[in-house]
Amino acid sequence: MGPSPDPYSAKELRSFCIDGPLRGILQNLADGNPHGRDPGKDAPYTYVDFILTTANTWKMPIEDFTLTVERSHRKDSLGDYVSFCWEGPVTKIDADHFSAHAINLVPAKELRIGFFHIRE
C-alpha cells in the first residue's frame, strides 16, 4: 500500500483477504494524511498460519470444522482489526469474536489470520 509498496509486503497483505473498510483505513495510513489522519500513525501486523491441507491425506474430509478467531487488543493501539480468507460466511459472535464453519471440509489452501493494530 502507499505510493511505492514493497512487492513482498503487498503479496503478504493479499494473503489476508482484507475487506474494503480495513483496506481503506490501511491505505489512508499508507498515503499519509488524506482525510485528517495523522501521518505519524502506522499499522503493524502479526499473523498466525494454520496448515490445513495435510488433512487431505486423510481418507475422509474434515467432517465438522469450526474456527473461532478472537480479535486482540493492545494497550498502545488506537484500533485493532483481524482479517483472513475463508470460503463461506464468517459470523461475528460479538465485538471481538468471529466464527467460520464448514462441513466436510477438504482444504484447498492454508489459512493465514492477520491481526492489525493502528498506533501512533
PDB file of N, CA and C in Angstrom:
ATOM      1  N   MET A   1       0.842  -1.171   0.000  1.00  0.00           N
ATOM      2  CA  MET A   1       0.000   0.000   0.000  1.00  0.00           C
ATOM      3  C   MET A   1       0.887   1.234   0.000  1.00  0.00           C
ATOM      4  N   GLY A   2       0.337   2.337  -0.363  1.00  0.00           N
ATOM      5  CA  GLY A   2       1.086   3.572  -0.390  1.00  0.00           C
ATOM      6  C   GLY A   2       1.647   3.854  -1.761  1.00  0.00           C
ATOM      7  N   PRO A   3       2.424   4.951  -1.884  1.00  0.00           N
ATOM      8  CA  PRO A   3       2.907   5.388  -3.183  1.00  0.00           C
ATOM      9  C   PRO A   3       3.905   4.435  -3.828  1.00  0.00           C
ATOM     10  N   SER A   4       4.719   3.733  -3.055  1.00  0.00           N
ATOM     11  CA  SER A   4       5.677   2.776  -3.634  1.00  0.00           C
ATOM     12  C   SER A   4       5.730   1.531  -2.753  1.00  0.00           C
ATOM     13  N   PRO A   5       4.723   0.661  -2.880  1.00  0.00           N
ATOM     14  CA  PRO A   5       4.646  -0.507  -1.999  1.00  0.00           C
ATOM     15  C   PRO A   5       5.743  -1.525  -2.290  1.00  0.00           C
ATOM     16  N   ASP A   6       6.203  -2.164  -1.260  1.00  0.00           N
ATOM     17  CA  ASP A   6       7.169  -3.243  -1.369  1.00  0.00           C
ATOM     18  C   ASP A   6       6.442  -4.463  -1.936  1.00  0.00           C
ATOM     19  N   PRO A   7       6.931  -5.056  -3.033  1.00  0.00           N
ATOM     20  CA  PRO A   7       6.233  -6.199  -3.647  1.00  0.00           C
ATOM     21  C   PRO A   7       6.017  -7.363  -2.680  1.00  0.00           C
ATOM     22  N   TYR A   8       6.996  -7.649  -1.811  1.00  0.00           N
ATOM     23  CA  TYR A   8       6.829  -8.744  -0.856  1.00  0.00           C
ATOM     24  C   TYR A   8       5.707  -8.428   0.127  1.00  0.00           C
ATOM     25  N   SER A   9       5.700  -7.209   0.666  1.00  0.00           N
ATOM     26  CA  SER A   9       4.656  -6.817   1.617  1.00  0.00           C
ATOM     27  C   SER A   9       3.285  -6.836   0.959  1.00  0.00           C
ATOM     28  N   ALA A  10       3.203  -6.373  -0.295  1.00  0.00           N
ATOM     29  CA  ALA A  10       1.919  -6.369  -0.998  1.00  0.00           C
ATOM     30  C   ALA A  10       1.391  -7.786  -1.142  1.00  0.00           C
ATOM     31  N   LYS A  11       2.258  -8.724  -1.495  1.00  0.00           N
ATOM     32  CA  LYS A  11       1.849 -10.130  -1.626  1.00  0.00           C
ATOM     33  C   LYS A  11       1.397 -10.672  -0.272  1.00  0.00           C
ATOM     34  N   GLU A  12       2.143 -10.334   0.765  1.00  0.00           N
ATOM     35  CA  GLU A  12       1.779 -10.793   2.106  1.00  0.00           C
ATOM     36  C   GLU A  12       0.425 -10.236   2.524  1.00  0.00           C
ATOM     37  N   LEU A  13       0.186  -8.944   2.277  1.00  0.00           N
ATOM     38  CA  LEU A  13      -1.091  -8.331   2.642  1.00  0.00           C
ATOM     39  C   LEU A  13      -2.250  -8.980   1.882  1.00  0.00           C
ATOM     40  N   ARG A  14      -2.054  -9.352   0.618  1.00  0.00           N
ATOM     41  CA  ARG A  14      -3.118 -10.023  -0.142  1.00  0.00           C
ATOM     42  C   ARG A  14      -3.494 -11.368   0.480  1.00  0.00           C
ATOM     43  N   SER A  15      -2.563 -11.989   1.201  1.00  0.00           N
ATOM     44  CA  SER A  15      -2.842 -13.295   1.800  1.00  0.00           C
ATOM     45  C   SER A  15      -3.864 -13.204   2.931  1.00  0.00           C
ATOM     46  N   PHE A  16      -4.208 -11.981   3.378  1.00  0.00           N
ATOM     47  CA  PHE A  16      -5.186 -11.807   4.449  1.00  0.00           C
ATOM     48  C   PHE A  16      -6.602 -11.552   3.942  1.00  0.00           C
ATOM     49  N   CYS A  17      -6.799 -11.342   2.640  1.00  0.00           N
ATOM     50  CA  CYS A  17      -8.116 -11.026   2.076  1.00  0.00           C
ATOM     51  C   CYS A  17      -8.751  -9.845   2.815  1.00  0.00           C
ATOM     52  N   ILE A  18      -8.054  -8.750   2.859  1.00  0.00           N
ATOM     53  CA  ILE A  18      -8.505  -7.560   3.583  1.00  0.00           C
ATOM     54  C   ILE A  18      -9.757  -6.998   2.924  1.00  0.00           C
ATOM     55  N   ASP A  19     -10.806  -6.772   3.717  1.00  0.00           N
ATOM     56  CA  ASP A  19     -12.063  -6.242   3.169  1.00  0.00           C
ATOM     57  C   ASP A  19     -11.950  -4.736   2.904  1.00  0.00           C
ATOM     58  N   GLY A  20     -12.951  -4.189   2.243  1.00  0.00           N
ATOM     59  CA  GLY A  20     -12.952  -2.788   1.827  1.00  0.00           C
ATOM     60  C   GLY A  20     -12.722  -1.787   2.939  1.00  0.00           C
ATOM     61  N   PRO A  21     -13.478  -1.853   4.042  1.00  0.00           N
ATOM     62  CA  PRO A  21     -13.276  -0.861   5.110  1.00  0.00           C
ATOM     63  C   PRO A  21     -11.863  -0.893   5.706  1.00  0.00           C
ATOM     64  N   LEU A  22     -11.343  -2.081   5.981  1.00  0.00           N
ATOM     65  CA  LEU A  22      -9.994  -2.177   6.541  1.00  0.00           C
ATOM     66  C   LEU A  22      -8.963  -1.738   5.498  1.00  0.00           C
ATOM     67  N   ARG A  23      -9.165  -2.095   4.247  1.00  0.00           N
ATOM     68  CA  ARG A  23      -8.257  -1.665   3.179  1.00  0.00           C
ATOM     69  C   ARG A  23      -8.194  -0.136   3.126  1.00  0.00           C
ATOM     70  N   GLY A  24      -9.351   0.523   3.261  1.00  0.00           N
ATOM     71  CA  GLY A  24      -9.391   1.979   3.257  1.00  0.00           C
ATOM     72  C   GLY A  24      -8.609   2.582   4.407  1.00  0.00           C
ATOM     73  N   ILE A  25      -8.757   2.020   5.588  1.00  0.00           N
ATOM     74  CA  ILE A  25      -8.030   2.504   6.766  1.00  0.00           C
ATOM     75  C   ILE A  25      -6.529   2.363   6.549  1.00  0.00           C
ATOM     76  N   LEU A  26      -6.108   1.192   6.081  1.00  0.00           N
ATOM     77  CA  LEU A  26      -4.681   0.956   5.868  1.00  0.00           C
ATOM     78  C   LEU A  26      -4.134   1.826   4.740  1.00  0.00           C
ATOM     79  N   GLN A  27      -4.928   2.008   3.686  1.00  0.00           N
ATOM     80  CA  GLN A  27      -4.473   2.839   2.567  1.00  0.00           C
ATOM     81  C   GLN A  27      -4.322   4.289   3.001  1.00  0.00           C
ATOM     82  N   ASN A  28      -5.276   4.789   3.804  1.00  0.00           N
ATOM     83  CA  ASN A  28      -5.165   6.155   4.320  1.00  0.00           C
ATOM     84  C   ASN A  28      -3.894   6.338   5.151  1.00  0.00           C
ATOM     85  N   LEU A  29      -3.555   5.340   5.949  1.00  0.00           N
ATOM     86  CA  LEU A  29      -2.327   5.422   6.739  1.00  0.00           C
ATOM     87  C   LEU A  29      -1.105   5.402   5.835  1.00  0.00           C
ATOM     88  N   ALA A  30      -1.134   4.558   4.806  1.00  0.00           N
ATOM     89  CA  ALA A  30      -0.001   4.451   3.882  1.00  0.00           C
ATOM     90  C   ALA A  30       0.184   5.726   3.065  1.00  0.00           C
ATOM     91  N   ASP A  31      -0.931   6.388   2.732  1.00  0.00           N
ATOM     92  CA  ASP A  31      -0.873   7.587   1.894  1.00  0.00           C
ATOM     93  C   ASP A  31      -0.506   8.844   2.670  1.00  0.00           C
ATOM     94  N   GLY A  32      -0.557   8.798   3.975  1.00  0.00           N
ATOM     95  CA  GLY A  32      -0.233   9.984   4.765  1.00  0.00           C
ATOM     96  C   GLY A  32      -1.452  10.549   5.434  1.00  0.00           C
ATOM     97  N   ASN A  33      -1.847  11.750   5.054  1.00  0.00           N
ATOM     98  CA  ASN A  33      -2.878  12.474   5.780  1.00  0.00           C
ATOM     99  C   ASN A  33      -4.011  12.940   4.857  1.00  0.00           C
ATOM    100  N   PRO A  34      -4.644  12.031   4.066  1.00  0.00           N
ATOM    101  CA  PRO A  34      -5.653  12.484   3.114  1.00  0.00           C
ATOM    102  C   PRO A  34      -6.985  12.892   3.731  1.00  0.00           C
ATOM    103  N   HIS A  35      -7.338  12.341   4.880  1.00  0.00           N
ATOM    104  CA  HIS A  35      -8.654  12.628   5.471  1.00  0.00           C
ATOM    105  C   HIS A  35      -8.509  13.007   6.936  1.00  0.00           C
ATOM    106  N   GLY A  36      -7.529  13.833   7.215  1.00  0.00           N
ATOM    107  CA  GLY A  36      -7.343  14.286   8.587  1.00  0.00           C
ATOM    108  C   GLY A  36      -6.630  13.282   9.459  1.00  0.00           C
ATOM    109  N   ARG A  37      -6.121  12.200   8.885  1.00  0.00           N
ATOM    110  CA  ARG A  37      -5.395  11.215   9.682  1.00  0.00           C
ATOM    111  C   ARG A  37      -3.982  11.721   9.954  1.00  0.00           C
ATOM    112  N   ASP A  38      -3.461  11.351  11.083  1.00  0.00           N
ATOM    113  CA  ASP A  38      -2.109  11.733  11.466  1.00  0.00           C
ATOM    114  C   ASP A  38      -1.108  10.899  10.672  1.00  0.00           C
ATOM    115  N   PRO A  39      -0.212  11.542   9.913  1.00  0.00           N
ATOM    116  CA  PRO A  39       0.741  10.777   9.128  1.00  0.00           C
ATOM    117  C   PRO A  39       1.740  10.012   9.986  1.00  0.00           C
ATOM    118  N   GLY A  40       1.771  10.281  11.295  1.00  0.00           N
ATOM    119  CA  GLY A  40       2.674   9.568  12.190  1.00  0.00           C
ATOM    120  C   GLY A  40       2.145   8.210  12.629  1.00  0.00           C
ATOM    121  N   LYS A  41       0.934   7.870  12.256  1.00  0.00           N
ATOM    122  CA  LYS A  41       0.354   6.597  12.665  1.00  0.00           C
ATOM    123  C   LYS A  41       0.808   5.486  11.723  1.00  0.00           C
ATOM    124  N   ASP A  42       0.893   4.275  12.249  1.00  0.00           N
ATOM    125  CA  ASP A  42       1.195   3.134  11.411  1.00  0.00           C
ATOM    126  C   ASP A  42       0.330   1.956  11.841  1.00  0.00           C
ATOM    127  N   ALA A  43       0.445   0.867  11.100  1.00  0.00           N
ATOM    128  CA  ALA A  43      -0.384  -0.304  11.367  1.00  0.00           C
ATOM    129  C   ALA A  43       0.460  -1.569  11.306  1.00  0.00           C
ATOM    130  N   PRO A  44       1.214  -1.840  12.352  1.00  0.00           N
ATOM    131  CA  PRO A  44       1.952  -3.099  12.355  1.00  0.00           C
ATOM    132  C   PRO A  44       0.974  -4.262  12.412  1.00  0.00           C
ATOM    133  N   TYR A  45       1.417  -5.390  11.914  1.00  0.00           N
ATOM    134  CA  TYR A  45       0.550  -6.564  11.945  1.00  0.00           C
ATOM    135  C   TYR A  45       1.355  -7.805  12.295  1.00  0.00           C
ATOM    136  N   THR A  46       0.640  -8.757  12.822  1.00  0.00           N
ATOM    137  CA  THR A  46       1.183 -10.082  13.080  1.00  0.00           C
ATOM    138  C   THR A  46       0.225 -11.062  12.437  1.00  0.00           C
ATOM    139  N   TYR A  47       0.642 -12.294  12.315  1.00  0.00           N
ATOM    140  CA  TYR A  47      -0.265 -13.278  11.743  1.00  0.00           C
ATOM    141  C   TYR A  47       0.019 -14.666  12.307  1.00  0.00           C
ATOM    142  N   VAL A  48      -0.971 -15.511  12.158  1.00  0.00           N
ATOM    143  CA  VAL A  48      -0.882 -16.909  12.550  1.00  0.00           C
ATOM    144  C   VAL A  48      -1.233 -17.728  11.325  1.00  0.00           C
ATOM    145  N   ASP A  49      -0.387 -18.692  10.998  1.00  0.00           N
ATOM    146  CA  ASP A  49      -0.652 -19.602   9.883  1.00  0.00           C
ATOM    147  C   ASP A  49      -1.164 -20.937  10.417  1.00  0.00           C
ATOM    148  N   PHE A  50      -2.202 -21.454   9.774  1.00  0.00           N
ATOM    149  CA  PHE A  50      -2.723 -22.774  10.082  1.00  0.00           C
ATOM    150  C   PHE A  50      -2.517 -23.654   8.864  1.00  0.00           C
ATOM    151  N   ILE A  51      -1.841 -24.775   9.054  1.00  0.00           N
ATOM    152  CA  ILE A  51      -1.626 -25.733   7.980  1.00  0.00           C
ATOM    153  C   ILE A  51      -2.847 -26.660   7.959  1.00  0.00           C
ATOM    154  N   LEU A  52      -3.669 -26.516   6.937  1.00  0.00           N
ATOM    155  CA  LEU A  52      -4.903 -27.299   6.836  1.00  0.00           C
ATOM    156  C   LEU A  52      -4.830 -28.393   5.779  1.00  0.00           C
ATOM    157  N   THR A  53      -3.989 -28.198   4.765  1.00  0.00           N
ATOM    158  CA  THR A  53      -4.012 -29.129   3.629  1.00  0.00           C
ATOM    159  C   THR A  53      -3.507 -30.523   3.968  1.00  0.00           C
ATOM    160  N   THR A  54      -2.809 -30.674   5.090  1.00  0.00           N
ATOM    161  CA  THR A  54      -2.389 -32.026   5.470  1.00  0.00           C
ATOM    162  C   THR A  54      -3.596 -32.909   5.765  1.00  0.00           C
ATOM    163  N   ALA A  55      -4.732 -32.308   6.046  1.00  0.00           N
ATOM    164  CA  ALA A  55      -5.956 -33.086   6.267  1.00  0.00           C
ATOM    165  C   ALA A  55      -6.366 -33.821   4.993  1.00  0.00           C
ATOM    166  N   ASN A  56      -5.876 -33.371   3.836  1.00  0.00           N
ATOM    167  CA  ASN A  56      -6.229 -34.027   2.581  1.00  0.00           C
ATOM    168  C   ASN A  56      -5.595 -35.410   2.441  1.00  0.00           C
ATOM    169  N   THR A  57      -4.665 -35.758   3.335  1.00  0.00           N
ATOM    170  CA  THR A  57      -4.086 -37.104   3.308  1.00  0.00           C
ATOM    171  C   THR A  57      -4.962 -38.099   4.069  1.00  0.00           C
ATOM    172  N   TRP A  58      -5.944 -37.592   4.777  1.00  0.00           N
ATOM    173  CA  TRP A  58      -6.867 -38.474   5.480  1.00  0.00           C
ATOM    174  C   TRP A  58      -7.799 -39.125   4.470  1.00  0.00           C
ATOM    175  N   LYS A  59      -8.427 -40.190   4.860  1.00  0.00           N
ATOM    176  CA  LYS A  59      -9.340 -40.891   3.957  1.00  0.00           C
ATOM    177  C   LYS A  59     -10.657 -40.163   3.777  1.00  0.00           C
ATOM    178  N   MET A  60     -10.952 -39.240   4.683  1.00  0.00           N
ATOM    179  CA  MET A  60     -12.226 -38.508   4.638  1.00  0.00           C
ATOM    180  C   MET A  60     -11.964 -37.023   4.847  1.00  0.00           C
ATOM    181  N   PRO A  61     -12.896 -36.168   4.417  1.00  0.00           N
ATOM    182  CA  PRO A  61     -12.755 -34.740   4.704  1.00  0.00           C
ATOM    183  C   PRO A  61     -12.937 -34.474   6.201  1.00  0.00           C
ATOM    184  N   ILE A  62     -12.624 -33.245   6.605  1.00  0.00           N
ATOM    185  CA  ILE A  62     -12.880 -32.845   7.998  1.00  0.00           C
ATOM    186  C   ILE A  62     -14.391 -32.733   8.133  1.00  0.00           C
ATOM    187  N   GLU A  63     -14.959 -33.612   8.918  1.00  0.00           N
ATOM    188  CA  GLU A  63     -16.422 -33.742   8.987  1.00  0.00           C
ATOM    189  C   GLU A  63     -17.124 -32.470   9.456  1.00  0.00           C
ATOM    190  N   ASP A  64     -16.616 -31.881  10.527  1.00  0.00           N
ATOM    191  CA  ASP A  64     -17.264 -30.687  11.093  1.00  0.00           C
ATOM    192  C   ASP A  64     -16.167 -29.775  11.620  1.00  0.00           C
ATOM    193  N   PHE A  65     -15.895 -28.681  10.898  1.00  0.00           N
ATOM    194  CA  PHE A  65     -14.794 -27.785  11.220  1.00  0.00           C
ATOM    195  C   PHE A  65     -15.348 -26.437  11.661  1.00  0.00           C
ATOM    196  N   THR A  66     -14.919 -25.964  12.832  1.00  0.00           N
ATOM    197  CA  THR A  66     -15.284 -24.635  13.313  1.00  0.00           C
ATOM    198  C   THR A  66     -14.023 -23.913  13.741  1.00  0.00           C
ATOM    199  N   LEU A  67     -13.858 -22.708  13.219  1.00  0.00           N
ATOM    200  CA  LEU A  67     -12.737 -21.855  13.581  1.00  0.00           C
ATOM    201  C   LEU A  67     -13.306 -20.648  14.309  1.00  0.00           C
ATOM    202  N   THR A  68     -12.788 -20.364  15.500  1.00  0.00           N
ATOM    203  CA  THR A  68     -13.164 -19.163  16.240  1.00  0.00           C
ATOM    204  C   THR A  68     -11.930 -18.297  16.373  1.00  0.00           C
ATOM    205  N   VAL A  69     -12.036 -17.048  15.938  1.00  0.00           N
ATOM    206  CA  VAL A  69     -10.923 -16.101  15.975  1.00  0.00           C
ATOM    207  C   VAL A  69     -11.271 -14.990  16.948  1.00  0.00           C
ATOM    208  N   GLU A  70     -10.335 -14.689  17.839  1.00  0.00           N
ATOM    209  CA  GLU A  70     -10.520 -13.605  18.800  1.00  0.00           C
ATOM    210  C   GLU A  70      -9.636 -12.428  18.401  1.00  0.00           C
ATOM    211  N   ARG A  71     -10.256 -11.268  18.284  1.00  0.00           N
ATOM    212  CA  ARG A  71      -9.505 -10.036  17.990  1.00  0.00           C
ATOM    213  C   ARG A  71      -8.813  -9.604  19.276  1.00  0.00           C
ATOM    214  N   SER A  72      -7.510  -9.398  19.177  1.00  0.00           N
ATOM    215  CA  SER A  72      -6.753  -8.959  20.352  1.00  0.00           C
ATOM    216  C   SER A  72      -6.806  -7.440  20.468  1.00  0.00           C
ATOM    217  N   HIS A  73      -6.498  -6.945  21.648  1.00  0.00           N
ATOM    218  CA  HIS A  73      -6.436  -5.505  21.890  1.00  0.00           C
ATOM    219  C   HIS A  73      -5.108  -5.199  22.563  1.00  0.00           C
ATOM    220  N   ARG A  74      -4.343  -4.316  21.942  1.00  0.00           N
ATOM    221  CA  ARG A  74      -3.072  -3.889  22.529  1.00  0.00           C
ATOM    222  C   ARG A  74      -3.278  -2.563  23.247  1.00  0.00           C
ATOM    223  N   LYS A  75      -2.545  -2.376  24.314  1.00  0.00           N
ATOM    224  CA  LYS A  75      -2.672  -1.149  25.105  1.00  0.00           C
ATOM    225  C   LYS A  75      -2.321   0.090  24.290  1.00  0.00           C
ATOM    226  N   ASP A  76      -1.318   0.001  23.398  1.00  0.00           N
ATOM    227  CA  ASP A  76      -0.882   1.168  22.636  1.00  0.00           C
ATOM    228  C   ASP A  76      -1.641   1.335  21.328  1.00  0.00           C
ATOM    229  N   SER A  77      -2.690   0.560  21.123  1.00  0.00           N
ATOM    230  CA  SER A  77      -3.393   0.556  19.854  1.00  0.00           C
ATOM    231  C   SER A  77      -4.561   1.534  19.840  1.00  0.00           C
ATOM    232  N   LEU A  78      -4.714   2.236  18.703  1.00  0.00           N
ATOM    233  CA  LEU A  78      -5.856   3.123  18.501  1.00  0.00           C
ATOM    234  C   LEU A  78      -7.013   2.376  17.843  1.00  0.00           C
ATOM    235  N   GLY A  79      -6.717   1.215  17.280  1.00  0.00           N
ATOM    236  CA  GLY A  79      -7.718   0.386  16.625  1.00  0.00           C
ATOM    237  C   GLY A  79      -7.135  -0.981  16.349  1.00  0.00           C
ATOM    238  N   ASP A  80      -7.919  -2.028  16.552  1.00  0.00           N
ATOM    239  CA  ASP A  80      -7.462  -3.398  16.343  1.00  0.00           C
ATOM    240  C   ASP A  80      -8.388  -4.086  15.352  1.00  0.00           C
ATOM    241  N   TYR A  81      -7.799  -4.811  14.401  1.00  0.00           N
ATOM    242  CA  TYR A  81      -8.561  -5.444  13.331  1.00  0.00           C
ATOM    243  C   TYR A  81      -8.027  -6.846  13.082  1.00  0.00           C
ATOM    244  N   VAL A  82      -8.889  -7.697  12.556  1.00  0.00           N
ATOM    245  CA  VAL A  82      -8.495  -9.051  12.179  1.00  0.00           C
ATOM    246  C   VAL A  82      -9.020  -9.310  10.771  1.00  0.00           C
ATOM    247  N   SER A  83      -8.263 -10.069   9.995  1.00  0.00           N
ATOM    248  CA  SER A  83      -8.683 -10.369   8.629  1.00  0.00           C
ATOM    249  C   SER A  83      -8.118 -11.716   8.206  1.00  0.00           C
ATOM    250  N   PHE A  84      -8.937 -12.501   7.468  1.00  0.00           N
ATOM    251  CA  PHE A  84      -8.465 -13.777   6.928  1.00  0.00           C
ATOM    252  C   PHE A  84      -9.356 -14.201   5.777  1.00  0.00           C
ATOM    253  N   CYS A  85      -8.811 -15.078   4.944  1.00  0.00           N
ATOM    254  CA  CYS A  85      -9.547 -15.594   3.787  1.00  0.00           C
ATOM    255  C   CYS A  85     -10.327 -16.831   4.211  1.00  0.00           C
ATOM    256  N   TRP A  86     -11.597 -16.862   3.857  1.00  0.00           N
ATOM    257  CA  TRP A  86     -12.435 -18.026   4.174  1.00  0.00           C
ATOM    258  C   TRP A  86     -13.480 -18.180   3.089  1.00  0.00           C
ATOM    259  N   GLU A  87     -13.603 -19.381   2.562  1.00  0.00           N
ATOM    260  CA  GLU A  87     -14.635 -19.674   1.564  1.00  0.00           C
ATOM    261  C   GLU A  87     -15.935 -19.948   2.302  1.00  0.00           C
ATOM    262  N   GLY A  88     -16.812 -18.986   2.341  1.00  0.00           N
ATOM    263  CA  GLY A  88     -18.070 -19.141   3.047  1.00  0.00           C
ATOM    264  C   GLY A  88     -18.270 -18.030   4.045  1.00  0.00           C
ATOM    265  N   PRO A  89     -19.385 -18.079   4.751  1.00  0.00           N
ATOM    266  CA  PRO A  89     -19.702 -16.988   5.679  1.00  0.00           C
ATOM    267  C   PRO A  89     -18.837 -17.008   6.936  1.00  0.00           C
ATOM    268  N   VAL A  90     -18.562 -15.816   7.434  1.00  0.00           N
ATOM    269  CA  VAL A  90     -17.903 -15.643   8.727  1.00  0.00           C
ATOM    270  C   VAL A  90     -18.901 -14.914   9.607  1.00  0.00           C
ATOM    271  N   THR A  91     -19.185 -15.493  10.748  1.00  0.00           N
ATOM    272  CA  THR A  91     -20.182 -14.939  11.659  1.00  0.00           C
ATOM    273  C   THR A  91     -19.492 -14.146  12.755  1.00  0.00           C
ATOM    274  N   LYS A  92     -20.002 -12.946  13.007  1.00  0.00           N
ATOM    275  CA  LYS A  92     -19.490 -12.141  14.110  1.00  0.00           C
ATOM    276  C   LYS A  92     -20.260 -12.565  15.360  1.00  0.00           C
ATOM    277  N   ILE A  93     -19.585 -13.207  16.293  1.00  0.00           N
ATOM    278  CA  ILE A  93     -20.208 -13.709  17.517  1.00  0.00           C
ATOM    279  C   ILE A  93     -20.483 -12.554  18.474  1.00  0.00           C
ATOM    280  N   ASP A  94     -19.468 -11.712  18.661  1.00  0.00           N
ATOM    281  CA  ASP A  94     -19.590 -10.492  19.467  1.00  0.00           C
ATOM    282  C   ASP A  94     -18.540  -9.522  18.950  1.00  0.00           C
ATOM    283  N   ALA A  95     -18.273  -8.447  19.670  1.00  0.00           N
ATOM    284  CA  ALA A  95     -17.372  -7.405  19.177  1.00  0.00           C
ATOM    285  C   ALA A  95     -15.965  -7.921  18.864  1.00  0.00           C
ATOM    286  N   ASP A  96     -15.534  -8.980  19.522  1.00  0.00           N
ATOM    287  CA  ASP A  96     -14.155  -9.446  19.373  1.00  0.00           C
ATOM    288  C   ASP A  96     -14.004 -10.897  18.936  1.00  0.00           C
ATOM    289  N   HIS A  97     -15.096 -11.578  18.596  1.00  0.00           N
ATOM    290  CA  HIS A  97     -15.007 -12.991  18.221  1.00  0.00           C
ATOM    291  C   HIS A  97     -15.736 -13.255  16.904  1.00  0.00           C
ATOM    292  N   PHE A  98     -15.081 -14.037  16.041  1.00  0.00           N
ATOM    293  CA  PHE A  98     -15.613 -14.359  14.726  1.00  0.00           C
ATOM    294  C   PHE A  98     -15.543 -15.870  14.539  1.00  0.00           C
ATOM    295  N   SER A  99     -16.516 -16.423  13.856  1.00  0.00           N
ATOM    296  CA  SER A  99     -16.580 -17.864  13.669  1.00  0.00           C
ATOM    297  C   SER A  99     -16.758 -18.212  12.191  1.00  0.00           C
ATOM    298  N   ALA A 100     -15.985 -19.188  11.746  1.00  0.00           N
ATOM    299  CA  ALA A 100     -16.111 -19.736  10.396  1.00  0.00           C
ATOM    300  C   ALA A 100     -16.363 -21.224  10.545  1.00  0.00           C
ATOM    301  N   HIS A 101     -17.298 -21.748   9.779  1.00  0.00           N
ATOM    302  CA  HIS A 101     -17.710 -23.138   9.938  1.00  0.00           C
ATOM    303  C   HIS A 101     -17.789 -23.807   8.575  1.00  0.00           C
ATOM    304  N   ALA A 102     -17.451 -25.084   8.550  1.00  0.00           N
ATOM    305  CA  ALA A 102     -17.570 -25.858   7.309  1.00  0.00           C
ATOM    306  C   ALA A 102     -17.874 -27.311   7.650  1.00  0.00           C
ATOM    307  N   ILE A 103     -18.694 -27.926   6.830  1.00  0.00           N
ATOM    308  CA  ILE A 103     -18.997 -29.350   6.930  1.00  0.00           C
ATOM    309  C   ILE A 103     -18.270 -30.043   5.771  1.00  0.00           C
ATOM    310  N   ASN A 104     -17.674 -31.192   6.065  1.00  0.00           N
ATOM    311  CA  ASN A 104     -16.939 -31.979   5.057  1.00  0.00           C
ATOM    312  C   ASN A 104     -15.903 -31.126   4.324  1.00  0.00           C
ATOM    313  N   LEU A 105     -15.073 -30.466   5.102  1.00  0.00           N
ATOM    314  CA  LEU A 105     -14.052 -29.567   4.563  1.00  0.00           C
ATOM    315  C   LEU A 105     -12.898 -30.350   3.945  1.00  0.00           C
ATOM    316  N   VAL A 106     -12.604 -30.034   2.697  1.00  0.00           N
ATOM    317  CA  VAL A 106     -11.408 -30.516   2.012  1.00  0.00           C
ATOM    318  C   VAL A 106     -10.589 -29.271   1.703  1.00  0.00           C
ATOM    319  N   PRO A 107      -9.602 -28.952   2.555  1.00  0.00           N
ATOM    320  CA  PRO A 107      -8.872 -27.692   2.407  1.00  0.00           C
ATOM    321  C   PRO A 107      -8.110 -27.613   1.083  1.00  0.00           C
ATOM    322  N   ALA A 108      -8.268 -26.484   0.390  1.00  0.00           N
ATOM    323  CA  ALA A 108      -7.565 -26.248  -0.864  1.00  0.00           C
ATOM    324  C   ALA A 108      -6.284 -25.445  -0.635  1.00  0.00           C
ATOM    325  N   LYS A 109      -6.180 -24.775   0.525  1.00  0.00           N
ATOM    326  CA  LYS A 109      -5.003 -23.960   0.824  1.00  0.00           C
ATOM    327  C   LYS A 109      -4.878 -23.800   2.333  1.00  0.00           C
ATOM    328  N   GLU A 110      -3.748 -23.236   2.729  1.00  0.00           N
ATOM    329  CA  GLU A 110      -3.509 -22.984   4.149  1.00  0.00           C
ATOM    330  C   GLU A 110      -4.295 -21.737   4.559  1.00  0.00           C
ATOM    331  N   LEU A 111      -4.382 -21.502   5.849  1.00  0.00           N
ATOM    332  CA  LEU A 111      -5.134 -20.373   6.378  1.00  0.00           C
ATOM    333  C   LEU A 111      -4.186 -19.446   7.120  1.00  0.00           C
ATOM    334  N   ARG A 112      -4.211 -18.168   6.766  1.00  0.00           N
ATOM    335  CA  ARG A 112      -3.415 -17.149   7.447  1.00  0.00           C
ATOM    336  C   ARG A 112      -4.379 -16.124   8.035  1.00  0.00           C
ATOM    337  N   ILE A 113      -4.229 -15.865   9.330  1.00  0.00           N
ATOM    338  CA  ILE A 113      -5.066 -14.880  10.014  1.00  0.00           C
ATOM    339  C   ILE A 113      -4.177 -13.697  10.385  1.00  0.00           C
ATOM    340  N   GLY A 114      -4.560 -12.502   9.929  1.00  0.00           N
ATOM    341  CA  GLY A 114      -3.781 -11.296  10.196  1.00  0.00           C
ATOM    342  C   GLY A 114      -4.425 -10.460  11.286  1.00  0.00           C
ATOM    343  N   PHE A 115      -3.588  -9.923  12.147  1.00  0.00           N
ATOM    344  CA  PHE A 115      -4.022  -9.046  13.229  1.00  0.00           C
ATOM    345  C   PHE A 115      -3.337  -7.692  13.027  1.00  0.00           C
ATOM    346  N   PHE A 116      -4.130  -6.644  12.830  1.00  0.00           N
ATOM    347  CA  PHE A 116      -3.619  -5.306  12.531  1.00  0.00           C
ATOM    348  C   PHE A 116      -3.896  -4.386  13.707  1.00  0.00           C
ATOM    349  N   HIS A 117      -2.901  -3.574  14.057  1.00  0.00           N
ATOM    350  CA  HIS A 117      -3.010  -2.674  15.205  1.00  0.00           C
ATOM    351  C   HIS A 117      -2.627  -1.262  14.760  1.00  0.00           C
ATOM    352  N   ILE A 118      -3.570  -0.342  14.774  1.00  0.00           N
ATOM    353  CA  ILE A 118      -3.296   1.049  14.420  1.00  0.00           C
ATOM    354  C   ILE A 118      -2.692   1.728  15.644  1.00  0.00           C
ATOM    355  N   ARG A 119      -1.548   2.358  15.457  1.00  0.00           N
ATOM    356  CA  ARG A 119      -0.879   3.010  16.593  1.00  0.00           C
ATOM    357  C   ARG A 119      -0.171   4.274  16.125  1.00  0.00           C
ATOM    358  N   GLU A 120       0.215   5.072  17.107  1.00  0.00           N
ATOM    359  CA  GLU A 120       0.989   6.293  16.811  1.00  0.00           C
ATOM    360  C   GLU A 120       2.445   6.014  17.006  1.00  0.00           C
TER     361      GLU A 120
END
